[in-house]
Protein backbone atom coordinates (compact mmCIF):
# COMPACT_ATOMS: atom_id res chain seq x y z
CA UNK A 1 -45.93 12.85 27.11
CA UNK A 2 -44.60 11.13 23.99
CA UNK A 3 -42.78 13.18 21.45
CA UNK A 4 -41.10 11.66 18.31
CA UNK A 5 -38.69 14.57 17.09
CA UNK A 6 -37.53 12.43 14.40
CA UNK A 7 -41.02 12.17 12.83
CA UNK A 8 -41.64 15.85 13.46
CA UNK A 9 -38.37 16.72 11.57
CA UNK A 10 -39.07 14.54 8.70
CA UNK A 11 -42.49 15.93 8.23
CA UNK A 12 -40.82 19.34 8.15
CA UNK A 13 -38.62 18.15 5.25
CA UNK A 14 -35.42 18.01 7.31
CA UNK A 15 -33.35 14.96 6.23
CA UNK A 16 -32.47 12.64 9.13
CA UNK A 17 -29.63 10.11 9.15
CA UNK A 18 -29.40 6.85 10.88
CA UNK A 19 -27.78 3.55 10.85
CA UNK A 20 -28.89 -0.17 11.35
CA UNK A 21 -27.67 -1.99 14.36
CA UNK A 22 -27.51 -5.84 13.90
CA UNK A 23 -25.24 -6.66 16.66
CA UNK A 24 -26.70 -7.29 20.19
CA UNK A 25 -24.81 -4.40 21.84
CA UNK A 26 -26.27 -1.47 23.82
CA UNK A 27 -22.80 -0.15 23.82
CA UNK A 28 -22.84 0.27 20.02
CA UNK A 29 -26.35 1.80 20.18
CA UNK A 30 -25.13 4.34 22.67
CA UNK A 31 -21.98 5.04 20.60
CA UNK A 32 -24.15 5.77 17.54
CA UNK A 33 -26.28 8.09 19.53
CA UNK A 34 -23.39 9.90 21.03
CA UNK A 35 -21.70 10.14 17.59
CA UNK A 36 -24.73 12.17 16.36
CA UNK A 37 -27.04 9.86 14.36
CA UNK A 38 -30.59 11.23 14.48
CA UNK A 39 -31.94 7.61 14.86
CA UNK A 40 -30.94 3.80 14.90
CA UNK A 41 -32.66 1.08 13.45
CA UNK A 42 -32.46 -2.01 15.73
CA UNK A 43 -32.55 -4.89 13.25
CA UNK A 44 -34.57 -7.95 14.40
CA UNK A 45 -35.03 -9.25 10.95
CA UNK A 46 -31.29 -9.94 10.36
CA UNK A 47 -29.87 -9.35 13.79
CA UNK A 48 -29.83 -11.83 16.65
CA UNK A 49 -32.00 -10.15 19.19
CA UNK A 50 -35.12 -10.78 21.28
CA UNK A 51 -37.49 -8.39 22.87
CA UNK A 52 -35.44 -8.16 26.11
CA UNK A 53 -32.35 -7.40 24.01
CA UNK A 54 -33.96 -4.73 22.03
CA UNK A 55 -35.34 -3.04 25.08
CA UNK A 56 -31.64 -2.53 26.34
CA UNK A 57 -30.54 -1.18 22.98
CA UNK A 58 -33.49 1.28 22.80
CA UNK A 59 -32.67 2.60 26.39
CA UNK A 60 -29.04 3.03 25.37
CA UNK A 61 -29.83 4.93 22.21
CA UNK A 62 -32.69 7.09 23.49
CA UNK A 63 -30.74 8.14 26.61
CA UNK A 64 -27.95 9.68 24.35
CA UNK A 65 -30.23 11.43 21.96
CA UNK A 66 -31.14 9.02 19.11
CA UNK A 67 -34.65 7.96 18.37
CA UNK A 68 -34.97 4.24 18.68
CA UNK A 69 -36.64 2.42 15.62
CA UNK A 70 -36.93 -1.35 15.28
CA UNK A 71 -37.15 -3.39 12.20
CA UNK A 72 -39.50 -6.46 13.01
CA UNK A 73 -39.05 -9.79 11.38
CA UNK A 74 -42.33 -9.78 9.42
CA UNK A 75 -45.81 -8.41 9.32
CA UNK A 76 -47.11 -10.22 12.07
CA UNK A 77 -49.51 -8.77 14.83
CA UNK A 78 -47.84 -10.32 17.91
CA UNK A 79 -44.41 -9.39 16.63
CA UNK A 80 -45.49 -5.74 16.13
CA UNK A 81 -47.39 -5.56 19.24
CA UNK A 82 -44.59 -6.76 21.44
CA UNK A 83 -42.09 -4.44 19.75
CA UNK A 84 -44.30 -1.35 20.27
CA UNK A 85 -44.90 -2.22 23.93
CA UNK A 86 -41.16 -2.40 24.53
CA UNK A 87 -41.15 1.22 23.66
CA UNK A 88 -39.92 1.61 20.04
CA UNK A 89 -40.81 5.03 18.55
CA UNK A 90 -41.16 3.54 15.16
CA UNK A 91 -41.16 0.14 13.27
CA UNK A 92 -39.73 -0.98 10.02
CA UNK A 93 -42.10 -3.73 8.45
CA UNK A 94 -40.35 -5.65 5.79
CA UNK A 95 -41.98 -7.13 2.71
CA UNK A 96 -45.10 -5.12 2.35
CA UNK A 97 -46.14 -6.10 -1.15
CA UNK A 98 -49.91 -5.62 -1.37
CA UNK A 99 -52.47 -3.05 -0.31
CA UNK A 100 -53.99 -5.74 1.90
CA UNK A 101 -50.69 -6.36 3.67
CA UNK A 102 -50.38 -2.55 4.20
CA UNK A 103 -53.79 -2.20 5.82
CA UNK A 104 -53.20 -5.22 8.10
CA UNK A 105 -49.90 -3.76 9.21
CA UNK A 106 -51.46 -0.41 10.26
CA UNK A 107 -54.31 -2.37 12.01
CA UNK A 108 -51.66 -4.12 13.99
CA UNK A 109 -49.72 -0.86 14.96
CA UNK A 110 -52.52 1.59 15.84
CA UNK A 111 -54.93 1.73 18.67
CA UNK A 112 -58.74 2.07 17.90
CA UNK A 113 -60.12 3.87 16.04
CA UNK A 114 -57.22 3.74 13.66
CA UNK A 115 -56.50 0.02 14.15
CA UNK A 116 -56.82 -2.79 16.53
CA UNK A 117 -53.63 -2.81 18.52
CA UNK A 118 -53.85 -4.73 21.84
CA UNK A 119 -53.67 -2.78 25.12
CA UNK A 120 -51.16 -3.66 27.80
CA UNK A 121 -49.27 -1.90 30.59
CA UNK A 122 -45.64 -2.14 29.68
CA UNK A 123 -42.55 0.04 28.98
CA UNK A 124 -44.26 2.04 26.34
CA UNK A 125 -46.87 3.53 28.62
CA UNK A 126 -44.55 3.90 31.50
CA UNK A 127 -45.61 0.52 32.97
CA UNK A 128 -49.08 1.63 33.53
CA UNK A 129 -48.31 5.01 35.16
CA UNK A 130 -49.38 7.02 32.19
CA UNK A 131 -52.87 7.90 31.66
CA UNK A 132 -54.18 5.11 29.39
CA UNK A 133 -56.50 7.24 27.06
CA UNK A 134 -53.80 10.08 26.72
CA UNK A 135 -51.10 7.42 26.04
CA UNK A 136 -53.04 5.74 23.25
CA UNK A 137 -53.86 9.03 21.58
CA UNK A 138 -50.17 10.00 21.72
CA UNK A 139 -49.03 6.65 20.57
CA UNK A 140 -51.27 6.69 17.49
CA UNK A 141 -49.92 10.18 16.71
CA UNK A 142 -46.21 9.82 17.44
CA UNK A 143 -45.35 6.28 16.50
CA UNK A 144 -43.66 6.18 13.06
CA UNK A 145 -44.73 3.45 10.72
CA UNK A 146 -42.36 2.55 7.84
CA UNK A 147 -42.96 0.00 5.25
CA UNK A 148 -40.25 -1.61 3.07
CA UNK A 149 -40.41 -1.41 -0.68
CA UNK A 150 -38.03 -4.28 -1.55
CA UNK A 151 -39.74 -6.40 -4.38
CA UNK A 152 -41.13 -6.28 -7.77
CA UNK A 153 -44.75 -6.96 -6.37
CA UNK A 154 -44.34 -4.02 -4.04
CA UNK A 155 -43.34 -1.82 -6.80
CA UNK A 156 -46.25 -2.92 -8.91
CA UNK A 157 -48.62 -1.92 -6.13
CA UNK A 158 -46.64 1.06 -4.81
CA UNK A 159 -49.40 3.72 -5.50
CA UNK A 160 -51.99 1.93 -3.55
CA UNK A 161 -49.52 1.01 -0.76
CA UNK A 162 -48.45 4.69 -0.49
CA UNK A 163 -52.02 5.79 -0.24
CA UNK A 164 -52.51 3.77 3.09
CA UNK A 165 -53.82 5.82 5.84
CA UNK A 166 -51.54 5.82 9.05
CA UNK A 167 -48.49 5.08 7.11
CA UNK A 168 -45.69 7.54 7.51
CA UNK A 169 -42.71 6.48 5.38
CA UNK A 170 -41.74 4.03 2.66
CA UNK A 171 -38.07 2.79 2.64
CA UNK A 172 -36.60 1.47 -0.62
CA UNK A 173 -34.41 -1.64 -0.02
CA UNK A 174 -32.13 -1.74 -3.01
CA UNK A 175 -30.36 -5.17 -2.21
CA UNK A 176 -33.63 -7.04 -1.69
CA UNK A 177 -35.13 -5.39 -4.77
CA UNK A 178 -32.27 -6.49 -6.83
CA UNK A 179 -32.78 -10.14 -5.62
CA UNK A 180 -36.52 -9.75 -6.62
CA UNK A 181 -35.53 -8.10 -10.01
CA UNK A 182 -33.38 -11.22 -10.83
CA UNK A 183 -30.02 -9.35 -10.60
CA UNK A 184 -28.62 -10.11 -7.13
CA UNK A 185 -26.37 -7.42 -5.68
CA UNK A 186 -26.54 -5.12 -8.68
CA UNK A 187 -27.86 -1.98 -7.09
CA UNK A 188 -26.38 0.58 -9.45
CA UNK A 189 -28.27 -0.16 -12.72
CA UNK A 190 -30.74 1.91 -14.79
CA UNK A 191 -33.48 -0.49 -13.85
CA UNK A 192 -32.84 0.07 -10.19
CA UNK A 193 -32.90 3.88 -10.58
CA UNK A 194 -36.15 3.59 -12.48
CA UNK A 195 -37.59 1.54 -9.60
CA UNK A 196 -36.36 4.06 -7.14
CA UNK A 197 -37.79 6.95 -8.89
CA UNK A 198 -41.19 5.19 -9.17
CA UNK A 199 -41.36 4.75 -5.31
CA UNK A 200 -40.17 8.22 -4.79
CA UNK A 201 -42.92 9.57 -6.92
CA UNK A 202 -45.57 7.64 -5.14
CA UNK A 203 -44.31 8.87 -1.89
CA UNK A 204 -44.51 12.56 -3.12
CA UNK A 205 -47.98 12.03 -4.60
CA UNK A 206 -49.44 10.75 -1.27
CA UNK A 207 -47.50 12.80 1.18
CA UNK A 208 -45.31 9.97 2.54
CA UNK A 209 -41.84 10.29 3.76
CA UNK A 210 -39.34 8.70 1.21
CA UNK A 211 -36.58 6.59 2.73
CA UNK A 212 -33.83 4.59 1.27
CA UNK A 213 -30.89 2.36 2.54
CA UNK A 214 -27.45 3.64 1.52
CA UNK A 215 -23.98 2.31 2.13
CA UNK A 216 -21.84 5.44 2.13
CA UNK A 217 -22.05 9.07 3.12
CA UNK A 218 -21.62 10.06 -0.64
CA UNK A 219 -24.53 7.95 -1.66
CA UNK A 220 -26.64 9.32 1.10
CA UNK A 221 -25.95 12.93 0.10
CA UNK A 222 -26.76 12.10 -3.43
CA UNK A 223 -30.16 10.64 -2.35
CA UNK A 224 -30.89 13.64 -0.27
CA UNK A 225 -30.51 15.76 -3.37
CA UNK A 226 -32.97 13.40 -5.17
CA UNK A 227 -35.61 14.02 -2.57
CA UNK A 228 -35.20 11.40 0.13
CA UNK A 229 -35.37 12.34 3.74
CA UNK A 230 -35.20 9.12 5.86
CA UNK A 231 -31.66 7.90 5.44
CA UNK A 232 -30.28 4.78 7.21
CA UNK A 233 -26.64 4.58 6.23
CA UNK A 234 -24.84 1.23 6.48
CA UNK A 235 -24.89 -0.89 9.55
CA UNK A 236 -22.78 -1.30 12.60
CA UNK A 237 -20.96 -4.45 11.65
CA UNK A 238 -20.19 -2.95 8.21
CA UNK A 239 -18.97 0.29 9.79
CA UNK A 240 -16.84 -1.44 12.29
CA UNK A 241 -15.25 -3.93 9.83
CA UNK A 242 -14.46 -1.11 7.39
CA UNK A 243 -12.86 1.16 10.11
CA UNK A 244 -10.62 -1.79 11.36
CA UNK A 245 -9.75 -2.91 7.97
CA UNK A 246 -8.54 0.69 7.05
CA UNK A 247 -6.76 1.01 10.21
CA UNK A 248 -4.70 -2.31 9.61
CA UNK A 249 -4.10 -1.03 6.01
CA UNK A 250 -2.79 2.31 7.32
CA UNK A 251 -0.62 0.57 9.90
CA UNK A 252 0.99 -1.83 7.45
């Protein structure tokens, strides 16, 4: 039986903390899980991983207690299909900017009657050992679908996007949003806070889980107080480089 405890806790308004993994390392995924992260986001958009690679990372994370989520490269039917067949318990889909793109993403991610996801016998359904009908029903219910809000166009359409049936969570991407707003890297401005508040209000209106990328624990705690629940904090290479840099400073 498929059970997504991450999704269950989020719908019960319990904040969940994770991190992005962009290095192709099952060891790092396992360490993140053992350290206590609720989930990891295996990053195919910016990381250098294929579907064989992410399967190893998902095994490492899930075996040590973290829910494996994958960020796909784009809103593409085959890429979404293959990622879910590998056993991802949720997917991040970047650059969902219009209601039409939102509907297409759900169509690619859900089995009929909710969508048109293709049927295969791979890792996600225990290589065909699970009862197919039961598996498809559970997959439709338990798989977590996350859209990124990371452009001015997405923000303009956020109310319609948030109303999409089958969508669970919208995650605000401040750095990409800063690019779209014409102020690269400026993520701590009144304009950015206004954009964040607009997305948060749309999530609350339509019963979607609000998420946002943060870089530090302090920032994540502040966003939880604001009402955010799905909290990826920093990324593996960022955390490792900070830790080693601080260690060298302390040594010298």
